[in-house]
Amino acid sequence: MKIVAMSDNHGDRQIIEQIINKYEGKVDAIVHCGDSELKADDPLVSKLQIVMGNMDFEHFPESRALRIDQKNILITHGHLQNVNSGLLTLELFAQSHSADIVTFGHTHQLGVSFDKGILFVNPGSISYPRGRYASIGGTYASIITDNHDYLIQFFDRQLTPVPELKFRFSSSQ
């Protein structure tokens, strides 16, 4: 399984289009974790697994569940799970959905962790990054799974892998 996750572009439609053009037909899903500010009738929406963020004005779902290659993937923005205050509420939300993988945004800070059998990935903001990696200028992530491992790679706005932001977790941990 391979998915691409992005978040928090806040109206920067061009970067979404570039990511879709690079990955459409090459991955199992292209995920948007909210604050796209896209209109519901934008043709890009049909190419995304998209959720509503706190700055979206269209009626996208608050969360979305996918099942790909025996993995349950939960997509949310994170504001409703108070991710600015930690991941506990998000973790409980993930457990209630039997999620193996959770993608979320809202903080504009990339991050990845594996806890209690659940992989949590915040791709960061593709357009308005904050925190330690803000100098990269925006990020998104790919998540690849096989029977034993999760491989997470973060990319910059030039759609180039960031070498120091590559992570591997054993799914049997």
N, C-alpha and C. Protein backbone atom coordinates (compact mmCIF):
# COMPACT_ATOMS: atom_id res chain seq x y z
N MET A 1 0.83 -1.17 0.00
CA MET A 1 0.00 0.00 0.00
C MET A 1 0.88 1.24 0.00
N LYS A 2 0.46 2.22 -0.76
CA LYS A 2 1.16 3.50 -0.75
C LYS A 2 0.13 4.61 -0.83
N ILE A 3 0.22 5.54 0.13
CA ILE A 3 -0.63 6.72 0.09
C ILE A 3 0.25 7.96 0.23
N VAL A 4 -0.28 9.06 -0.25
CA VAL A 4 0.36 10.37 -0.10
C VAL A 4 -0.59 11.21 0.74
N ALA A 5 -0.04 11.91 1.73
CA ALA A 5 -0.85 12.73 2.63
C ALA A 5 -0.33 14.16 2.63
N MET A 6 -1.28 15.09 2.55
CA MET A 6 -0.95 16.51 2.64
C MET A 6 -1.99 17.19 3.52
N SER A 7 -1.70 18.43 3.90
CA SER A 7 -2.62 19.16 4.77
C SER A 7 -2.32 20.65 4.71
N ASP A 8 -3.30 21.42 5.14
CA ASP A 8 -3.12 22.84 5.45
C ASP A 8 -2.45 23.67 4.35
N ASN A 9 -3.00 23.57 3.14
CA ASN A 9 -2.49 24.42 2.06
C ASN A 9 -3.18 25.78 2.06
N HIS A 10 -4.31 25.91 2.74
CA HIS A 10 -5.01 27.18 2.92
C HIS A 10 -5.16 27.98 1.63
N GLY A 11 -5.80 27.34 0.65
CA GLY A 11 -6.13 28.03 -0.59
C GLY A 11 -5.08 27.95 -1.68
N ASP A 12 -3.91 27.41 -1.39
CA ASP A 12 -2.85 27.26 -2.38
C ASP A 12 -3.20 26.05 -3.27
N ARG A 13 -4.07 26.28 -4.23
CA ARG A 13 -4.58 25.21 -5.09
C ARG A 13 -3.49 24.61 -5.97
N GLN A 14 -2.56 25.43 -6.42
CA GLN A 14 -1.52 24.98 -7.36
C GLN A 14 -0.69 23.84 -6.79
N ILE A 15 -0.34 23.88 -5.51
CA ILE A 15 0.49 22.81 -4.94
C ILE A 15 -0.29 21.50 -4.87
N ILE A 16 -1.58 21.58 -4.59
CA ILE A 16 -2.39 20.35 -4.59
C ILE A 16 -2.40 19.75 -6.00
N GLU A 17 -2.59 20.60 -6.98
CA GLU A 17 -2.61 20.13 -8.37
C GLU A 17 -1.28 19.48 -8.75
N GLN A 18 -0.17 20.05 -8.33
CA GLN A 18 1.15 19.48 -8.63
C GLN A 18 1.31 18.10 -8.00
N ILE A 19 0.89 17.96 -6.75
CA ILE A 19 1.00 16.68 -6.06
C ILE A 19 0.10 15.64 -6.73
N ILE A 20 -1.11 16.01 -7.05
CA ILE A 20 -2.01 15.08 -7.75
C ILE A 20 -1.41 14.66 -9.09
N ASN A 21 -0.89 15.62 -9.84
CA ASN A 21 -0.30 15.30 -11.14
C ASN A 21 0.87 14.33 -11.02
N LYS A 22 1.63 14.44 -9.94
CA LYS A 22 2.77 13.53 -9.75
C LYS A 22 2.33 12.13 -9.35
N TYR A 23 1.29 12.01 -8.52
CA TYR A 23 0.98 10.72 -7.90
C TYR A 23 -0.29 10.02 -8.41
N GLU A 24 -1.17 10.73 -9.08
CA GLU A 24 -2.42 10.11 -9.50
C GLU A 24 -2.14 8.86 -10.35
N GLY A 25 -2.77 7.76 -9.97
CA GLY A 25 -2.59 6.50 -10.67
C GLY A 25 -1.36 5.71 -10.23
N LYS A 26 -0.55 6.29 -9.35
CA LYS A 26 0.67 5.63 -8.89
C LYS A 26 0.60 5.25 -7.42
N VAL A 27 -0.43 5.71 -6.72
CA VAL A 27 -0.62 5.42 -5.30
C VAL A 27 -2.05 4.95 -5.08
N ASP A 28 -2.28 4.33 -3.94
CA ASP A 28 -3.61 3.83 -3.62
C ASP A 28 -4.57 4.94 -3.21
N ALA A 29 -4.05 6.03 -2.66
CA ALA A 29 -4.90 7.15 -2.27
C ALA A 29 -4.04 8.40 -2.10
N ILE A 30 -4.65 9.53 -2.42
CA ILE A 30 -4.06 10.84 -2.12
C ILE A 30 -4.99 11.47 -1.09
N VAL A 31 -4.43 11.71 0.08
CA VAL A 31 -5.19 12.13 1.26
C VAL A 31 -4.95 13.61 1.52
N HIS A 32 -6.02 14.32 1.84
CA HIS A 32 -5.89 15.71 2.28
C HIS A 32 -6.52 15.82 3.66
N CYS A 33 -5.72 16.23 4.63
CA CYS A 33 -6.13 16.26 6.04
C CYS A 33 -6.78 17.57 6.46
N GLY A 34 -7.31 18.32 5.54
CA GLY A 34 -8.09 19.49 5.89
C GLY A 34 -7.40 20.83 5.75
N ASP A 35 -8.22 21.87 5.78
CA ASP A 35 -7.82 23.25 5.52
C ASP A 35 -7.27 23.42 4.10
N SER A 36 -7.98 22.77 3.17
CA SER A 36 -7.65 22.95 1.75
C SER A 36 -8.20 24.27 1.25
N GLU A 37 -9.37 24.64 1.77
CA GLU A 37 -10.14 25.79 1.32
C GLU A 37 -10.59 25.64 -0.13
N LEU A 38 -10.67 24.39 -0.61
CA LEU A 38 -11.20 24.13 -1.93
C LEU A 38 -12.73 24.21 -1.90
N LYS A 39 -13.32 24.55 -3.02
CA LYS A 39 -14.77 24.49 -3.18
C LYS A 39 -15.16 23.04 -3.42
N ALA A 40 -16.32 22.65 -2.98
CA ALA A 40 -16.77 21.27 -3.11
C ALA A 40 -16.85 20.83 -4.57
N ASP A 41 -17.09 21.76 -5.49
CA ASP A 41 -17.20 21.40 -6.90
C ASP A 41 -15.88 21.53 -7.67
N ASP A 42 -14.79 21.81 -6.96
CA ASP A 42 -13.48 21.87 -7.62
C ASP A 42 -13.14 20.48 -8.14
N PRO A 43 -12.70 20.34 -9.38
CA PRO A 43 -12.38 19.02 -9.92
C PRO A 43 -11.29 18.27 -9.15
N LEU A 44 -10.45 18.98 -8.43
CA LEU A 44 -9.40 18.32 -7.64
C LEU A 44 -9.99 17.49 -6.50
N VAL A 45 -11.12 17.91 -5.96
CA VAL A 45 -11.73 17.23 -4.81
C VAL A 45 -12.01 15.76 -5.13
N SER A 46 -12.43 15.47 -6.35
CA SER A 46 -12.76 14.09 -6.71
C SER A 46 -11.53 13.19 -6.78
N LYS A 47 -10.35 13.77 -6.76
CA LYS A 47 -9.11 13.00 -6.82
C LYS A 47 -8.49 12.80 -5.45
N LEU A 48 -9.15 13.32 -4.42
CA LEU A 48 -8.62 13.30 -3.06
C LEU A 48 -9.54 12.56 -2.10
N GLN A 49 -8.96 12.00 -1.08
CA GLN A 49 -9.70 11.57 0.11
C GLN A 49 -9.55 12.75 1.07
N ILE A 50 -10.55 13.60 1.12
CA ILE A 50 -10.42 14.90 1.79
C ILE A 50 -11.35 14.99 2.99
N VAL A 51 -10.90 15.69 4.03
CA VAL A 51 -11.73 15.96 5.20
C VAL A 51 -11.76 17.47 5.45
N MET A 52 -12.68 17.87 6.28
CA MET A 52 -12.87 19.28 6.59
C MET A 52 -11.96 19.71 7.75
N GLY A 53 -11.30 20.83 7.55
CA GLY A 53 -10.53 21.45 8.61
C GLY A 53 -11.29 22.62 9.21
N ASN A 54 -10.72 23.24 10.20
CA ASN A 54 -11.38 24.36 10.87
C ASN A 54 -11.46 25.61 10.00
N MET A 55 -10.73 25.66 8.88
CA MET A 55 -10.79 26.80 7.98
C MET A 55 -11.45 26.46 6.64
N ASP A 56 -12.09 25.32 6.56
CA ASP A 56 -12.82 24.95 5.36
C ASP A 56 -14.27 25.40 5.50
N PHE A 57 -14.83 25.85 4.40
CA PHE A 57 -16.20 26.36 4.43
C PHE A 57 -17.16 25.50 3.63
N GLU A 58 -16.65 24.45 3.03
CA GLU A 58 -17.48 23.48 2.32
C GLU A 58 -17.78 22.34 3.28
N HIS A 59 -18.72 21.51 2.91
CA HIS A 59 -19.14 20.42 3.79
C HIS A 59 -18.46 19.11 3.42
N PHE A 60 -17.16 19.03 3.74
CA PHE A 60 -16.45 17.77 3.62
C PHE A 60 -16.67 17.00 4.92
N PRO A 61 -16.47 15.69 4.93
CA PRO A 61 -16.63 14.95 6.19
C PRO A 61 -15.59 15.37 7.22
N GLU A 62 -15.96 15.27 8.50
CA GLU A 62 -15.02 15.61 9.58
C GLU A 62 -13.90 14.58 9.70
N SER A 63 -14.20 13.35 9.33
CA SER A 63 -13.18 12.30 9.28
C SER A 63 -13.58 11.32 8.19
N ARG A 64 -12.65 10.50 7.80
CA ARG A 64 -12.89 9.54 6.74
C ARG A 64 -12.09 8.28 7.07
N ALA A 65 -12.68 7.13 6.86
CA ALA A 65 -12.01 5.85 7.09
C ALA A 65 -11.86 5.13 5.75
N LEU A 66 -10.68 4.62 5.51
CA LEU A 66 -10.39 3.83 4.32
C LEU A 66 -9.84 2.48 4.75
N ARG A 67 -10.02 1.49 3.91
CA ARG A 67 -9.38 0.19 4.12
C ARG A 67 -8.62 -0.14 2.85
N ILE A 68 -7.30 -0.24 2.97
CA ILE A 68 -6.43 -0.56 1.85
C ILE A 68 -5.46 -1.63 2.31
N ASP A 69 -5.41 -2.73 1.58
CA ASP A 69 -4.48 -3.83 1.89
C ASP A 69 -4.53 -4.24 3.36
N GLN A 70 -5.70 -4.48 3.87
CA GLN A 70 -5.92 -4.91 5.24
C GLN A 70 -5.47 -3.89 6.30
N LYS A 71 -5.31 -2.65 5.91
CA LYS A 71 -4.97 -1.58 6.85
C LYS A 71 -6.13 -0.61 6.93
N ASN A 72 -6.52 -0.28 8.17
CA ASN A 72 -7.56 0.72 8.40
C ASN A 72 -6.89 2.08 8.54
N ILE A 73 -7.26 2.99 7.67
CA ILE A 73 -6.66 4.32 7.64
C ILE A 73 -7.73 5.33 8.04
N LEU A 74 -7.41 6.16 8.99
CA LEU A 74 -8.31 7.19 9.48
C LEU A 74 -7.71 8.55 9.12
N ILE A 75 -8.53 9.38 8.49
CA ILE A 75 -8.11 10.72 8.08
C ILE A 75 -8.95 11.73 8.86
N THR A 76 -8.30 12.70 9.47
CA THR A 76 -8.99 13.75 10.19
C THR A 76 -8.12 15.00 10.14
N HIS A 77 -8.70 16.12 10.49
CA HIS A 77 -7.89 17.34 10.54
C HIS A 77 -7.15 17.41 11.88
N GLY A 78 -7.84 17.08 12.95
CA GLY A 78 -7.21 17.06 14.27
C GLY A 78 -7.71 18.12 15.22
N HIS A 79 -8.31 19.18 14.72
CA HIS A 79 -8.77 20.24 15.62
C HIS A 79 -9.86 19.73 16.57
N LEU A 80 -10.69 18.81 16.10
CA LEU A 80 -11.76 18.27 16.95
C LEU A 80 -11.22 17.27 17.98
N GLN A 81 -9.97 16.83 17.78
CA GLN A 81 -9.32 15.95 18.75
C GLN A 81 -8.22 16.68 19.53
N ASN A 82 -8.25 18.00 19.47
CA ASN A 82 -7.35 18.85 20.28
C ASN A 82 -5.88 18.50 20.10
N VAL A 83 -5.43 18.29 18.86
CA VAL A 83 -4.05 17.87 18.64
C VAL A 83 -3.02 18.92 19.04
N ASN A 84 -3.43 20.16 19.20
CA ASN A 84 -2.48 21.17 19.69
C ASN A 84 -2.07 20.90 21.13
N SER A 85 -2.86 20.10 21.84
CA SER A 85 -2.57 19.80 23.24
C SER A 85 -2.02 18.39 23.44
N GLY A 86 -1.73 17.68 22.36
CA GLY A 86 -1.21 16.32 22.46
C GLY A 86 -2.06 15.36 21.64
N LEU A 87 -1.66 14.10 21.65
CA LEU A 87 -2.32 13.11 20.79
C LEU A 87 -3.26 12.16 21.52
N LEU A 88 -3.47 12.34 22.80
CA LEU A 88 -4.30 11.40 23.55
C LEU A 88 -5.71 11.30 22.99
N THR A 89 -6.37 12.41 22.76
CA THR A 89 -7.74 12.38 22.24
C THR A 89 -7.75 11.77 20.84
N LEU A 90 -6.76 12.09 20.03
CA LEU A 90 -6.66 11.50 18.70
C LEU A 90 -6.43 10.00 18.79
N GLU A 91 -5.61 9.58 19.72
CA GLU A 91 -5.35 8.15 19.91
C GLU A 91 -6.63 7.41 20.29
N LEU A 92 -7.41 7.97 21.19
CA LEU A 92 -8.68 7.35 21.58
C LEU A 92 -9.65 7.31 20.40
N PHE A 93 -9.67 8.38 19.61
CA PHE A 93 -10.50 8.42 18.41
C PHE A 93 -10.06 7.33 17.43
N ALA A 94 -8.76 7.18 17.26
CA ALA A 94 -8.21 6.15 16.36
C ALA A 94 -8.59 4.76 16.85
N GLN A 95 -8.46 4.53 18.15
CA GLN A 95 -8.82 3.22 18.71
C GLN A 95 -10.30 2.92 18.49
N SER A 96 -11.14 3.92 18.61
CA SER A 96 -12.58 3.71 18.43
C SER A 96 -12.93 3.36 16.99
N HIS A 97 -12.03 3.65 16.06
CA HIS A 97 -12.22 3.31 14.65
C HIS A 97 -11.34 2.13 14.22
N SER A 98 -10.68 1.48 15.18
CA SER A 98 -9.77 0.35 14.88
C SER A 98 -8.74 0.73 13.82
N ALA A 99 -8.23 1.94 13.91
CA ALA A 99 -7.28 2.44 12.91
C ALA A 99 -5.89 1.84 13.10
N ASP A 100 -5.27 1.53 11.98
CA ASP A 100 -3.86 1.14 11.96
C ASP A 100 -2.98 2.35 11.66
N ILE A 101 -3.52 3.26 10.85
CA ILE A 101 -2.80 4.46 10.42
C ILE A 101 -3.74 5.65 10.57
N VAL A 102 -3.22 6.75 11.12
CA VAL A 102 -3.98 7.99 11.24
C VAL A 102 -3.18 9.10 10.56
N THR A 103 -3.84 9.82 9.66
CA THR A 103 -3.23 11.02 9.10
C THR A 103 -4.04 12.22 9.59
N PHE A 104 -3.35 13.27 9.98
CA PHE A 104 -4.00 14.46 10.52
C PHE A 104 -3.14 15.68 10.26
N GLY A 105 -3.71 16.85 10.44
CA GLY A 105 -3.00 18.11 10.22
C GLY A 105 -3.23 19.06 11.38
N HIS A 106 -3.62 20.27 11.06
CA HIS A 106 -4.00 21.34 11.97
C HIS A 106 -2.81 22.06 12.62
N THR A 107 -1.80 21.37 13.08
CA THR A 107 -0.71 22.02 13.80
C THR A 107 0.28 22.72 12.87
N HIS A 108 0.26 22.37 11.58
CA HIS A 108 1.21 22.88 10.59
C HIS A 108 2.64 22.40 10.87
N GLN A 109 2.78 21.39 11.75
CA GLN A 109 4.09 20.84 12.08
C GLN A 109 4.12 19.36 11.74
N LEU A 110 5.08 18.98 10.89
CA LEU A 110 5.17 17.58 10.53
C LEU A 110 5.53 16.74 11.75
N GLY A 111 5.11 15.50 11.72
CA GLY A 111 5.44 14.59 12.80
C GLY A 111 5.02 13.18 12.45
N VAL A 112 5.68 12.22 13.08
CA VAL A 112 5.34 10.82 12.91
C VAL A 112 5.64 10.09 14.21
N SER A 113 4.73 9.21 14.59
CA SER A 113 4.98 8.38 15.78
C SER A 113 4.22 7.07 15.61
N PHE A 114 4.67 6.08 16.33
CA PHE A 114 4.03 4.76 16.32
C PHE A 114 3.80 4.39 17.77
N ASP A 115 2.53 4.26 18.14
CA ASP A 115 2.20 4.02 19.54
C ASP A 115 1.02 3.06 19.63
N LYS A 116 1.18 2.04 20.45
CA LYS A 116 0.11 1.06 20.69
C LYS A 116 -0.44 0.47 19.38
N GLY A 117 0.48 0.22 18.45
CA GLY A 117 0.11 -0.40 17.19
C GLY A 117 -0.51 0.52 16.17
N ILE A 118 -0.51 1.82 16.43
CA ILE A 118 -1.10 2.80 15.50
C ILE A 118 -0.01 3.76 15.02
N LEU A 119 0.05 3.94 13.70
CA LEU A 119 0.97 4.90 13.10
C LEU A 119 0.24 6.24 12.97
N PHE A 120 0.82 7.30 13.50
CA PHE A 120 0.28 8.66 13.42
C PHE A 120 1.21 9.48 12.52
N VAL A 121 0.64 10.09 11.49
CA VAL A 121 1.44 10.91 10.56
C VAL A 121 0.76 12.26 10.37
N ASN A 122 1.48 13.30 10.70
CA ASN A 122 1.08 14.66 10.36
C ASN A 122 2.02 15.10 9.25
N PRO A 123 1.51 15.29 8.03
CA PRO A 123 2.39 15.65 6.92
C PRO A 123 2.94 17.07 7.01
N GLY A 124 2.48 17.83 8.00
CA GLY A 124 2.86 19.24 8.10
C GLY A 124 2.02 20.06 7.13
N SER A 125 2.23 21.33 7.13
CA SER A 125 1.52 22.20 6.19
C SER A 125 2.34 22.30 4.91
N ILE A 126 1.68 22.04 3.78
CA ILE A 126 2.37 22.15 2.50
C ILE A 126 2.63 23.61 2.13
N SER A 127 1.93 24.56 2.73
CA SER A 127 2.06 25.96 2.35
C SER A 127 2.48 26.91 3.47
N TYR A 128 2.12 26.58 4.71
CA TYR A 128 2.41 27.48 5.84
C TYR A 128 2.99 26.69 7.02
N PRO A 129 4.20 26.15 6.86
CA PRO A 129 4.75 25.30 7.92
C PRO A 129 5.14 26.08 9.17
N ARG A 130 5.12 25.37 10.27
CA ARG A 130 5.55 25.92 11.56
C ARG A 130 6.50 24.93 12.20
N GLY A 131 7.19 25.41 13.22
CA GLY A 131 8.00 24.53 14.04
C GLY A 131 9.39 24.28 13.49
N ARG A 132 9.99 23.22 13.99
CA ARG A 132 11.40 22.88 13.73
C ARG A 132 11.74 22.82 12.24
N TYR A 133 10.82 22.33 11.41
CA TYR A 133 11.12 22.13 10.00
C TYR A 133 10.48 23.19 9.10
N ALA A 134 10.07 24.30 9.67
CA ALA A 134 9.42 25.36 8.87
C ALA A 134 10.33 25.87 7.76
N SER A 135 11.63 25.86 7.98
CA SER A 135 12.57 26.37 6.97
C SER A 135 12.55 25.56 5.68
N ILE A 136 12.00 24.36 5.70
CA ILE A 136 11.88 23.56 4.47
C ILE A 136 10.91 24.23 3.51
N GLY A 137 9.95 24.96 4.06
CA GLY A 137 9.02 25.71 3.23
C GLY A 137 7.73 24.99 2.89
N GLY A 138 7.42 23.93 3.58
CA GLY A 138 6.21 23.16 3.34
C GLY A 138 6.54 21.70 3.07
N THR A 139 5.70 20.81 3.60
CA THR A 139 5.96 19.38 3.45
C THR A 139 4.67 18.60 3.24
N TYR A 140 4.84 17.43 2.67
CA TYR A 140 3.80 16.40 2.61
C TYR A 140 4.50 15.07 2.83
N ALA A 141 3.75 13.98 2.93
CA ALA A 141 4.36 12.70 3.28
C ALA A 141 3.82 11.57 2.41
N SER A 142 4.67 10.57 2.22
CA SER A 142 4.20 9.30 1.65
C SER A 142 4.30 8.25 2.74
N ILE A 143 3.36 7.32 2.70
CA ILE A 143 3.33 6.22 3.66
C ILE A 143 3.25 4.94 2.84
N ILE A 144 4.23 4.09 3.02
CA ILE A 144 4.26 2.81 2.32
C ILE A 144 4.23 1.71 3.36
N THR A 145 3.41 0.70 3.12
CA THR A 145 3.35 -0.44 4.03
C THR A 145 3.61 -1.72 3.25
N ASP A 146 4.16 -2.67 3.97
CA ASP A 146 4.17 -4.04 3.49
C ASP A 146 3.73 -4.88 4.68
N ASN A 147 3.96 -6.14 4.66
CA ASN A 147 3.48 -6.99 5.75
C ASN A 147 4.14 -6.70 7.08
N HIS A 148 5.32 -6.09 7.07
CA HIS A 148 6.09 -5.97 8.31
C HIS A 148 6.47 -4.55 8.71
N ASP A 149 6.48 -3.61 7.78
CA ASP A 149 7.02 -2.29 8.07
C ASP A 149 6.14 -1.17 7.52
N TYR A 150 6.29 -0.01 8.16
CA TYR A 150 5.77 1.25 7.64
C TYR A 150 6.98 2.09 7.28
N LEU A 151 6.98 2.64 6.08
CA LEU A 151 8.03 3.54 5.65
C LEU A 151 7.39 4.89 5.36
N ILE A 152 7.86 5.91 6.08
CA ILE A 152 7.31 7.26 5.93
C ILE A 152 8.43 8.15 5.40
N GLN A 153 8.13 8.85 4.32
CA GLN A 153 9.07 9.79 3.72
C GLN A 153 8.39 11.14 3.58
N PHE A 154 9.03 12.19 4.07
CA PHE A 154 8.52 13.54 3.90
C PHE A 154 9.18 14.18 2.67
N PHE A 155 8.40 15.02 1.99
CA PHE A 155 8.84 15.69 0.77
C PHE A 155 8.65 17.19 0.93
N ASP A 156 9.42 17.98 0.17
CA ASP A 156 9.27 19.43 0.19
C ASP A 156 8.33 19.89 -0.93
N ARG A 157 8.17 21.19 -1.06
CA ARG A 157 7.26 21.76 -2.07
C ARG A 157 7.75 21.54 -3.50
N GLN A 158 9.00 21.18 -3.66
CA GLN A 158 9.52 20.87 -4.99
C GLN A 158 9.29 19.39 -5.32
N LEU A 159 8.53 18.69 -4.44
CA LEU A 159 8.19 17.28 -4.59
C LEU A 159 9.43 16.39 -4.51
N THR A 160 10.40 16.86 -3.73
CA THR A 160 11.67 16.17 -3.55
C THR A 160 11.74 15.58 -2.15
N PRO A 161 12.20 14.33 -2.00
CA PRO A 161 12.33 13.74 -0.66
C PRO A 161 13.32 14.55 0.20
N VAL A 162 12.99 14.69 1.47
CA VAL A 162 13.90 15.33 2.43
C VAL A 162 14.65 14.18 3.12
N PRO A 163 15.94 13.99 2.80
CA PRO A 163 16.65 12.78 3.25
C PRO A 163 16.61 12.53 4.76
N GLU A 164 16.69 13.58 5.55
CA GLU A 164 16.71 13.38 7.01
C GLU A 164 15.32 13.13 7.59
N LEU A 165 14.30 13.17 6.75
CA LEU A 165 12.94 12.95 7.22
C LEU A 165 12.36 11.68 6.61
N LYS A 166 13.07 10.59 6.84
CA LYS A 166 12.65 9.26 6.39
C LYS A 166 12.62 8.36 7.62
N PHE A 167 11.51 7.67 7.83
CA PHE A 167 11.32 6.89 9.05
C PHE A 167 10.79 5.50 8.71
N ARG A 168 11.17 4.52 9.52
CA ARG A 168 10.69 3.15 9.37
C ARG A 168 10.25 2.64 10.74
N PHE A 169 9.08 2.01 10.76
CA PHE A 169 8.56 1.39 11.97
C PHE A 169 8.13 -0.03 11.62
N SER A 170 8.38 -0.93 12.53
CA SER A 170 7.89 -2.29 12.35
C SER A 170 6.44 -2.34 12.77
N SER A 171 5.58 -2.86 11.92
CA SER A 171 4.16 -2.91 12.26
C SER A 171 3.88 -3.96 13.34
N SER A 172 4.87 -4.76 13.66
CA SER A 172 4.69 -5.78 14.71
C SER A 172 5.18 -5.31 16.07
N GLN A 173 5.58 -4.04 16.18
CA GLN A 173 6.07 -3.51 17.47
C GLN A 173 4.97 -3.47 18.49
